[in-house]
Amino acid sequence: VATVRAEPSRVWRVAPDPPGVTAARAALQTAIDAASAAGGGTVYIPEGTYKVVTAVAGTVSIVPKSKVRILGAGVGRTILMAYGNAQCFHNNTASSGSPIIDVEIGHLEIDGTNQSNGGVYVSSMKGIQINYCKRHYYHDLYVHHCGATGVGSDYLYDSTYERIIADYNGRLASTSDAGGSGIGIGTGVYTVENLVVRDCVTRNNGVHGVFWENQGGVESTGMSLVNHYTAN
């Protein structure tokens, strides 16, 4: 991955890297940062396998930003490989009064096979972790073999998870560990945290298929789990 090209209609296209041998995180982040600086837009990741590492500092997560859509060419075609004990996508810079808004992640695969922490389980080895989220839409994803939870974000409202397959996540967790599941959502900041999880599949995950967890403070309401299949 060497170049990022801005296209009409505020679309930033990452150069493809089909073999997945290049440290791709810098180019992916450059595209997201450019879309954010322009006030929002779409980052398109073409078909290929992308190593979410940097050439200099090693393992670093991709940081989603407000008003940026991150879209691939489809499951099995755009594959993001997470490494080490870092999440594939992670942003923990927001707060309850200043959430990350209008983020979309879709039509791609997150493969956590290479996540590790020297054999020691840590709950940070997720596919997606973004906290304080407003109007987030994660859809048409295959998230699998993460060391910890596949999709594990906290404090979402006016948001939707749709058509996500979370398979074989939490592979490094024991049943007594925190997280380690297919989909895990932390609650307890807003009175209404109306995240809708619908038409998803959680299968073969370490601890739970899908869970909501109050992390202290407010007893949030509004969560929905609709038309869901789970098998552990």
C-alpha atoms as a PDB file:
ATOM      1  CA  VAL A   1       0.000   0.000   0.000  1.00  0.00           C
ATOM      2  CA  ALA A   2       1.815   3.087  -1.184  1.00  0.00           C
ATOM      3  CA  THR A   3      -0.648   5.723  -2.298  1.00  0.00           C
ATOM      4  CA  VAL A   4      -3.967   7.261  -1.406  1.00  0.00           C
ATOM      5  CA  ARG A   5      -5.958   8.987  -4.127  1.00  0.00           C
ATOM      6  CA  ALA A   6      -8.836  11.417  -3.599  1.00  0.00           C
ATOM      7  CA  GLU A   7     -11.650  10.814  -6.063  1.00  0.00           C
ATOM      8  CA  PRO A   8     -14.804  12.800  -6.914  1.00  0.00           C
ATOM      9  CA  SER A   9     -17.585  12.983  -4.340  1.00  0.00           C
ATOM     10  CA  ARG A  10     -15.132  12.902  -1.427  1.00  0.00           C
ATOM     11  CA  VAL A  11     -14.012   9.306  -1.842  1.00  0.00           C
ATOM     12  CA  TRP A  12     -10.479   8.331  -0.857  1.00  0.00           C
ATOM     13  CA  ARG A  13      -9.291   5.079  -2.422  1.00  0.00           C
ATOM     14  CA  VAL A  14      -6.458   3.106  -0.836  1.00  0.00           C
ATOM     15  CA  ALA A  15      -4.101   1.474  -3.331  1.00  0.00           C
ATOM     16  CA  PRO A  16      -4.649  -2.302  -3.352  1.00  0.00           C
ATOM     17  CA  ASP A  17      -2.162  -4.703  -1.827  1.00  0.00           C
ATOM     18  CA  PRO A  18      -3.405  -8.166  -2.863  1.00  0.00           C
ATOM     19  CA  PRO A  19      -0.532 -10.205  -1.375  1.00  0.00           C
ATOM     20  CA  GLY A  20      -0.819  -8.584   2.046  1.00  0.00           C
ATOM     21  CA  VAL A  21       2.930  -8.241   2.507  1.00  0.00           C
ATOM     22  CA  THR A  22       3.172  -4.465   2.999  1.00  0.00           C
ATOM     23  CA  ALA A  23       2.735  -2.670   6.328  1.00  0.00           C
ATOM     24  CA  ALA A  24      -0.597  -1.107   5.422  1.00  0.00           C
ATOM     25  CA  ARG A  25      -1.752   0.761   8.508  1.00  0.00           C
ATOM     26  CA  ALA A  26      -0.134   4.091   7.546  1.00  0.00           C
ATOM     27  CA  ALA A  27      -1.866   4.276   4.163  1.00  0.00           C
ATOM     28  CA  LEU A  28      -5.223   3.287   5.662  1.00  0.00           C
ATOM     29  CA  GLN A  29      -4.896   5.939   8.357  1.00  0.00           C
ATOM     30  CA  THR A  30      -3.770   8.586   5.866  1.00  0.00           C
ATOM     31  CA  ALA A  31      -6.959   8.069   3.887  1.00  0.00           C
ATOM     32  CA  ILE A  32      -9.145   8.292   6.997  1.00  0.00           C
ATOM     33  CA  ASP A  33      -7.349  11.422   8.201  1.00  0.00           C
ATOM     34  CA  ALA A  34      -7.751  13.062   4.781  1.00  0.00           C
ATOM     35  CA  ALA A  35     -11.474  12.326   4.709  1.00  0.00           C
ATOM     36  CA  SER A  36     -11.839  13.663   8.247  1.00  0.00           C
ATOM     37  CA  ALA A  37      -9.934  16.852   7.413  1.00  0.00           C
ATOM     38  CA  ALA A  38     -12.272  17.435   4.472  1.00  0.00           C
ATOM     39  CA  GLY A  39     -15.273  17.326   6.795  1.00  0.00           C
ATOM     40  CA  GLY A  40     -16.142  13.707   6.094  1.00  0.00           C
ATOM     41  CA  GLY A  41     -16.210  11.261   3.232  1.00  0.00           C
ATOM     42  CA  THR A  42     -15.723   7.659   2.226  1.00  0.00           C
ATOM     43  CA  VAL A  43     -12.541   5.609   2.401  1.00  0.00           C
ATOM     44  CA  TYR A  44     -12.709   2.703  -0.030  1.00  0.00           C
ATOM     45  CA  ILE A  45     -10.397  -0.269   0.526  1.00  0.00           C
ATOM     46  CA  PRO A  46     -10.198  -2.371  -2.657  1.00  0.00           C
ATOM     47  CA  GLU A  47      -9.938  -6.131  -2.801  1.00  0.00           C
ATOM     48  CA  GLY A  48      -6.782  -7.386  -1.134  1.00  0.00           C
ATOM     49  CA  THR A  49      -5.239  -8.443   2.171  1.00  0.00           C
ATOM     50  CA  TYR A  50      -3.941  -5.619   4.361  1.00  0.00           C
ATOM     51  CA  LYS A  51      -1.539  -5.961   7.296  1.00  0.00           C
ATOM     52  CA  VAL A  52      -2.596  -3.548  10.046  1.00  0.00           C
ATOM     53  CA  VAL A  53       0.957  -2.821  11.129  1.00  0.00           C
ATOM     54  CA  THR A  54       3.365   0.053  10.550  1.00  0.00           C
ATOM     55  CA  ALA A  55       6.844  -0.206   9.085  1.00  0.00           C
ATOM     56  CA  VAL A  56       8.444   1.715  11.977  1.00  0.00           C
ATOM     57  CA  ALA A  57       6.467   1.257  15.188  1.00  0.00           C
ATOM     58  CA  GLY A  58       4.995  -2.183  14.627  1.00  0.00           C
ATOM     59  CA  THR A  59       1.454  -2.979  15.695  1.00  0.00           C
ATOM     60  CA  VAL A  60      -0.933  -0.009  15.735  1.00  0.00           C
ATOM     61  CA  SER A  61      -4.708   0.114  15.334  1.00  0.00           C
ATOM     62  CA  ILE A  62      -6.613   1.938  12.603  1.00  0.00           C
ATOM     63  CA  VAL A  63      -8.309   4.994  14.163  1.00  0.00           C
ATOM     64  CA  PRO A  64     -11.810   5.686  12.765  1.00  0.00           C
ATOM     65  CA  LYS A  65     -12.933   9.312  12.874  1.00  0.00           C
ATOM     66  CA  SER A  66     -16.257  11.142  12.851  1.00  0.00           C
ATOM     67  CA  LYS A  67     -18.169  11.386   9.567  1.00  0.00           C
ATOM     68  CA  VAL A  68     -15.902   8.904   7.780  1.00  0.00           C
ATOM     69  CA  ARG A  69     -17.249   5.763   6.095  1.00  0.00           C
ATOM     70  CA  ILE A  70     -14.783   2.860   5.786  1.00  0.00           C
ATOM     71  CA  LEU A  71     -15.940   0.409   3.128  1.00  0.00           C
ATOM     72  CA  GLY A  72     -14.323  -2.603   1.506  1.00  0.00           C
ATOM     73  CA  ALA A  73     -15.069  -4.629  -1.602  1.00  0.00           C
ATOM     74  CA  GLY A  74     -16.865  -7.295   0.406  1.00  0.00           C
ATOM     75  CA  VAL A  75     -16.278 -10.136   2.830  1.00  0.00           C
ATOM     76  CA  GLY A  76     -13.618 -12.489   1.508  1.00  0.00           C
ATOM     77  CA  ARG A  77     -12.331  -9.775  -0.809  1.00  0.00           C
ATOM     78  CA  THR A  78     -11.118  -6.978   1.487  1.00  0.00           C
ATOM     79  CA  ILE A  79      -9.332  -8.583   4.445  1.00  0.00           C
ATOM     80  CA  LEU A  80      -7.720  -6.636   7.280  1.00  0.00           C
ATOM     81  CA  MET A  81      -5.183  -8.637   9.293  1.00  0.00           C
ATOM     82  CA  ALA A  82      -4.768  -7.558  12.931  1.00  0.00           C
ATOM     83  CA  TYR A  83      -1.499  -8.261  14.751  1.00  0.00           C
ATOM     84  CA  GLY A  84      -0.109  -8.326  18.276  1.00  0.00           C
ATOM     85  CA  ASN A  85      -2.335  -7.201  21.148  1.00  0.00           C
ATOM     86  CA  ALA A  86      -3.857  -4.231  19.286  1.00  0.00           C
ATOM     87  CA  GLN A  87      -7.365  -3.913  17.919  1.00  0.00           C
ATOM     88  CA  CYS A  88      -7.903  -3.694  14.172  1.00  0.00           C
ATOM     89  CA  PHE A  89     -10.076  -0.554  14.650  1.00  0.00           C
ATOM     90  CA  HIS A  90      -9.783   1.486  17.832  1.00  0.00           C
ATOM     91  CA  ASN A  91     -10.652   5.022  18.919  1.00  0.00           C
ATOM     92  CA  ASN A  92     -10.818   5.933  22.591  1.00  0.00           C
ATOM     93  CA  THR A  93     -10.422   9.705  22.271  1.00  0.00           C
ATOM     94  CA  ALA A  94     -14.085  10.659  22.750  1.00  0.00           C
ATOM     95  CA  SER A  95     -16.168  11.420  25.841  1.00  0.00           C
ATOM     96  CA  SER A  96     -19.833  11.323  26.806  1.00  0.00           C
ATOM     97  CA  GLY A  97     -20.267  14.978  25.858  1.00  0.00           C
ATOM     98  CA  SER A  98     -18.244  14.697  22.663  1.00  0.00           C
ATOM     99  CA  PRO A  99     -18.937  11.317  21.039  1.00  0.00           C
ATOM    100  CA  ILE A 100     -17.519  10.017  17.786  1.00  0.00           C
ATOM    101  CA  ILE A 101     -20.335  10.516  15.287  1.00  0.00           C
ATOM    102  CA  ASP A 102     -21.489   9.092  11.959  1.00  0.00           C
ATOM    103  CA  VAL A 103     -18.975   6.282  11.515  1.00  0.00           C
ATOM    104  CA  GLU A 104     -19.730   3.455   9.105  1.00  0.00           C
ATOM    105  CA  ILE A 105     -17.643   0.294   8.723  1.00  0.00           C
ATOM    106  CA  GLY A 106     -18.818  -2.287   6.217  1.00  0.00           C
ATOM    107  CA  HIS A 107     -18.214  -4.832   3.471  1.00  0.00           C
ATOM    108  CA  LEU A 108     -14.942  -6.214   4.778  1.00  0.00           C
ATOM    109  CA  GLU A 109     -13.340  -8.987   6.806  1.00  0.00           C
ATOM    110  CA  ILE A 110     -11.280  -8.688   9.984  1.00  0.00           C
ATOM    111  CA  ASP A 111      -8.942 -11.614  10.613  1.00  0.00           C
ATOM    112  CA  GLY A 112      -7.441 -11.795  14.110  1.00  0.00           C
ATOM    113  CA  THR A 113      -5.464 -14.992  13.600  1.00  0.00           C
ATOM    114  CA  ASN A 114      -2.194 -13.158  14.198  1.00  0.00           C
ATOM    115  CA  GLN A 115      -3.256 -11.379  17.384  1.00  0.00           C
ATOM    116  CA  SER A 116      -1.164 -12.463  20.339  1.00  0.00           C
ATOM    117  CA  ASN A 117       0.264 -11.208  23.597  1.00  0.00           C
ATOM    118  CA  GLY A 118       2.948 -13.718  24.437  1.00  0.00           C
ATOM    119  CA  GLY A 119       0.298 -16.232  25.385  1.00  0.00           C
ATOM    120  CA  VAL A 120      -1.295 -13.900  27.972  1.00  0.00           C
ATOM    121  CA  TYR A 121      -4.923 -12.944  27.402  1.00  0.00           C
ATOM    122  CA  VAL A 122      -5.776  -9.235  27.310  1.00  0.00           C
ATOM    123  CA  SER A 123      -9.234  -7.934  26.427  1.00  0.00           C
ATOM    124  CA  SER A 124      -7.762  -5.384  23.993  1.00  0.00           C
ATOM    125  CA  MET A 125      -7.220  -7.958  21.235  1.00  0.00           C
ATOM    126  CA  LYS A 126     -10.504  -7.053  19.530  1.00  0.00           C
ATOM    127  CA  GLY A 127     -11.576  -6.538  15.960  1.00  0.00           C
ATOM    128  CA  ILE A 128     -13.400  -3.246  16.630  1.00  0.00           C
ATOM    129  CA  GLN A 129     -13.389  -1.141  19.790  1.00  0.00           C
ATOM    130  CA  ILE A 130     -14.741   2.412  19.630  1.00  0.00           C
ATOM    131  CA  ASN A 131     -16.160   4.110  22.719  1.00  0.00           C
ATOM    132  CA  TYR A 132     -18.784   6.898  22.961  1.00  0.00           C
ATOM    133  CA  CYS A 133     -20.508   6.357  19.632  1.00  0.00           C
ATOM    134  CA  LYS A 134     -23.403   8.246  18.063  1.00  0.00           C
ATOM    135  CA  ARG A 135     -25.031   7.096  14.820  1.00  0.00           C
ATOM    136  CA  HIS A 136     -22.561   4.304  14.121  1.00  0.00           C
ATOM    137  CA  TYR A 137     -23.377   1.658  11.519  1.00  0.00           C
ATOM    138  CA  TYR A 138     -21.323  -1.540  11.312  1.00  0.00           C
ATOM    139  CA  HIS A 139     -22.588  -3.953   8.699  1.00  0.00           C
ATOM    140  CA  ASP A 140     -21.720  -6.788   6.333  1.00  0.00           C
ATOM    141  CA  LEU A 141     -18.653  -7.835   8.298  1.00  0.00           C
ATOM    142  CA  TYR A 142     -16.961 -11.149   8.962  1.00  0.00           C
ATOM    143  CA  VAL A 143     -14.911 -10.816  12.157  1.00  0.00           C
ATOM    144  CA  HIS A 144     -13.102 -13.960  13.179  1.00  0.00           C
ATOM    145  CA  HIS A 145     -10.306 -15.493  15.249  1.00  0.00           C
ATOM    146  CA  CYS A 146      -9.679 -12.366  17.327  1.00  0.00           C
ATOM    147  CA  GLY A 147      -7.831 -13.013  20.574  1.00  0.00           C
ATOM    148  CA  ALA A 148     -10.593 -11.233  22.517  1.00  0.00           C
ATOM    149  CA  THR A 149     -14.072 -10.011  21.503  1.00  0.00           C
ATOM    150  CA  GLY A 150     -14.716  -9.592  17.800  1.00  0.00           C
ATOM    151  CA  VAL A 151     -16.831  -6.419  17.936  1.00  0.00           C
ATOM    152  CA  GLY A 152     -16.531  -4.848  21.380  1.00  0.00           C
ATOM    153  CA  SER A 153     -17.495  -1.178  21.498  1.00  0.00           C
ATOM    154  CA  ASP A 154     -19.015   0.757  24.405  1.00  0.00           C
ATOM    155  CA  TYR A 155     -21.668   3.442  24.915  1.00  0.00           C
ATOM    156  CA  LEU A 156     -23.472   3.454  21.573  1.00  0.00           C
ATOM    157  CA  TYR A 157     -26.728   5.199  20.802  1.00  0.00           C
ATOM    158  CA  ASP A 158     -28.797   5.718  17.659  1.00  0.00           C
ATOM    159  CA  SER A 159     -26.594   2.975  16.217  1.00  0.00           C
ATOM    160  CA  THR A 160     -26.937  -0.342  14.375  1.00  0.00           C
ATOM    161  CA  TYR A 161     -24.987  -3.569  13.937  1.00  0.00           C
ATOM    162  CA  GLU A 162     -26.318  -5.464  10.940  1.00  0.00           C
ATOM    163  CA  ARG A 163     -25.323  -8.633   9.097  1.00  0.00           C
ATOM    164  CA  ILE A 164     -22.188  -9.252  11.139  1.00  0.00           C
ATOM    165  CA  ILE A 165     -20.790 -12.768  11.399  1.00  0.00           C
ATOM    166  CA  ALA A 166     -18.553 -13.089  14.472  1.00  0.00           C
ATOM    167  CA  ASP A 167     -16.865 -16.476  14.498  1.00  0.00           C
ATOM    168  CA  TYR A 168     -14.129 -18.042  16.652  1.00  0.00           C
ATOM    169  CA  ASN A 169     -13.395 -14.865  18.605  1.00  0.00           C
ATOM    170  CA  GLY A 170     -12.130 -14.932  22.178  1.00  0.00           C
ATOM    171  CA  ARG A 171      -9.847 -17.797  21.150  1.00  0.00           C
ATOM    172  CA  LEU A 172      -7.263 -16.807  23.814  1.00  0.00           C
ATOM    173  CA  ALA A 173      -9.807 -16.309  26.612  1.00  0.00           C
ATOM    174  CA  SER A 174     -10.956 -18.691  29.303  1.00  0.00           C
ATOM    175  CA  THR A 175     -14.583 -18.726  30.402  1.00  0.00           C
ATOM    176  CA  SER A 176     -13.679 -16.650  33.474  1.00  0.00           C
ATOM    177  CA  ASP A 177     -12.024 -13.851  31.494  1.00  0.00           C
ATOM    178  CA  ALA A 178     -13.695 -10.531  30.681  1.00  0.00           C
ATOM    179  CA  GLY A 179     -14.821 -10.156  27.112  1.00  0.00           C
ATOM    180  CA  GLY A 180     -13.672 -12.954  24.852  1.00  0.00           C
ATOM    181  CA  SER A 181     -16.944 -13.101  22.934  1.00  0.00           C
ATOM    182  CA  GLY A 182     -18.425 -12.553  19.502  1.00  0.00           C
ATOM    183  CA  ILE A 183     -20.124  -9.203  20.125  1.00  0.00           C
ATOM    184  CA  GLY A 184     -19.776  -7.337  23.426  1.00  0.00           C
ATOM    185  CA  ILE A 185     -21.268  -3.949  24.291  1.00  0.00           C
ATOM    186  CA  GLY A 186     -20.485  -1.898  27.367  1.00  0.00           C
ATOM    187  CA  THR A 187     -23.256   0.344  28.721  1.00  0.00           C
ATOM    188  CA  GLY A 188     -23.768   2.779  31.573  1.00  0.00           C
ATOM    189  CA  VAL A 189     -23.117   6.336  30.337  1.00  0.00           C
ATOM    190  CA  TYR A 190     -26.315   7.486  28.605  1.00  0.00           C
ATOM    191  CA  THR A 191     -29.865   6.956  29.833  1.00  0.00           C
ATOM    192  CA  VAL A 192     -30.800   5.499  26.437  1.00  0.00           C
ATOM    193  CA  GLU A 193     -28.160   3.490  24.594  1.00  0.00           C
ATOM    194  CA  ASN A 194     -30.302   2.308  21.719  1.00  0.00           C
ATOM    195  CA  LEU A 195     -28.012   0.050  19.774  1.00  0.00           C
ATOM    196  CA  VAL A 196     -29.906  -2.388  17.541  1.00  0.00           C
ATOM    197  CA  VAL A 197     -28.147  -5.677  16.745  1.00  0.00           C
ATOM    198  CA  ARG A 198     -30.039  -7.450  13.990  1.00  0.00           C
ATOM    199  CA  ASP A 199     -29.592 -10.223  11.447  1.00  0.00           C
ATOM    200  CA  CYS A 200     -26.213 -11.192  12.929  1.00  0.00           C
ATOM    201  CA  VAL A 201     -24.546 -14.532  13.628  1.00  0.00           C
ATOM    202  CA  THR A 202     -22.243 -15.304  16.566  1.00  0.00           C
ATOM    203  CA  ARG A 203     -20.753 -18.756  16.524  1.00  0.00           C
ATOM    204  CA  ASN A 204     -17.871 -20.676  18.140  1.00  0.00           C
ATOM    205  CA  ASN A 205     -16.813 -17.743  20.322  1.00  0.00           C
ATOM    206  CA  GLY A 206     -14.944 -18.182  23.587  1.00  0.00           C
ATOM    207  CA  VAL A 207     -17.238 -16.886  26.344  1.00  0.00           C
ATOM    208  CA  HIS A 208     -20.535 -15.556  24.932  1.00  0.00           C
ATOM    209  CA  GLY A 209     -22.092 -15.095  21.549  1.00  0.00           C
ATOM    210  CA  VAL A 210     -23.340 -11.579  22.290  1.00  0.00           C
ATOM    211  CA  PHE A 211     -23.607  -9.670  25.576  1.00  0.00           C
ATOM    212  CA  TRP A 212     -24.388  -6.251  27.026  1.00  0.00           C
ATOM    213  CA  GLU A 213     -22.496  -5.298  30.180  1.00  0.00           C
ATOM    214  CA  ASN A 214     -23.189  -2.402  32.529  1.00  0.00           C
ATOM    215  CA  GLN A 215     -19.857  -0.839  33.356  1.00  0.00           C
ATOM    216  CA  GLY A 216     -21.118   1.326  36.179  1.00  0.00           C
ATOM    217  CA  GLY A 217     -23.172   4.470  36.502  1.00  0.00           C
ATOM    218  CA  VAL A 218     -26.416   4.748  34.537  1.00  0.00           C
ATOM    219  CA  GLU A 219     -28.763   1.800  34.060  1.00  0.00           C
ATOM    220  CA  SER A 220     -29.105   2.330  30.332  1.00  0.00           C
ATOM    221  CA  THR A 221     -32.133   1.195  28.328  1.00  0.00           C
ATOM    222  CA  GLY A 222     -33.038   0.825  24.671  1.00  0.00           C
ATOM    223  CA  MET A 223     -30.905  -2.122  23.494  1.00  0.00           C
ATOM    224  CA  SER A 224     -32.392  -4.544  20.969  1.00  0.00           C
ATOM    225  CA  LEU A 225     -31.304  -7.956  19.713  1.00  0.00           C
ATOM    226  CA  VAL A 226     -33.381  -8.923  16.675  1.00  0.00           C
ATOM    227  CA  ASN A 227     -33.379 -12.009  14.449  1.00  0.00           C
ATOM    228  CA  HIS A 228     -30.069 -13.228  15.855  1.00  0.00           C
ATOM    229  CA  TYR A 229     -28.435 -16.646  15.669  1.00  0.00           C
ATOM    230  CA  THR A 230     -25.856 -17.810  18.186  1.00  0.00           C
ATOM    231  CA  ALA A 231     -24.145 -21.123  18.798  1.00  0.00           C
ATOM    232  CA  ASN A 232     -21.141 -21.547  21.096  1.00  0.00           C
END
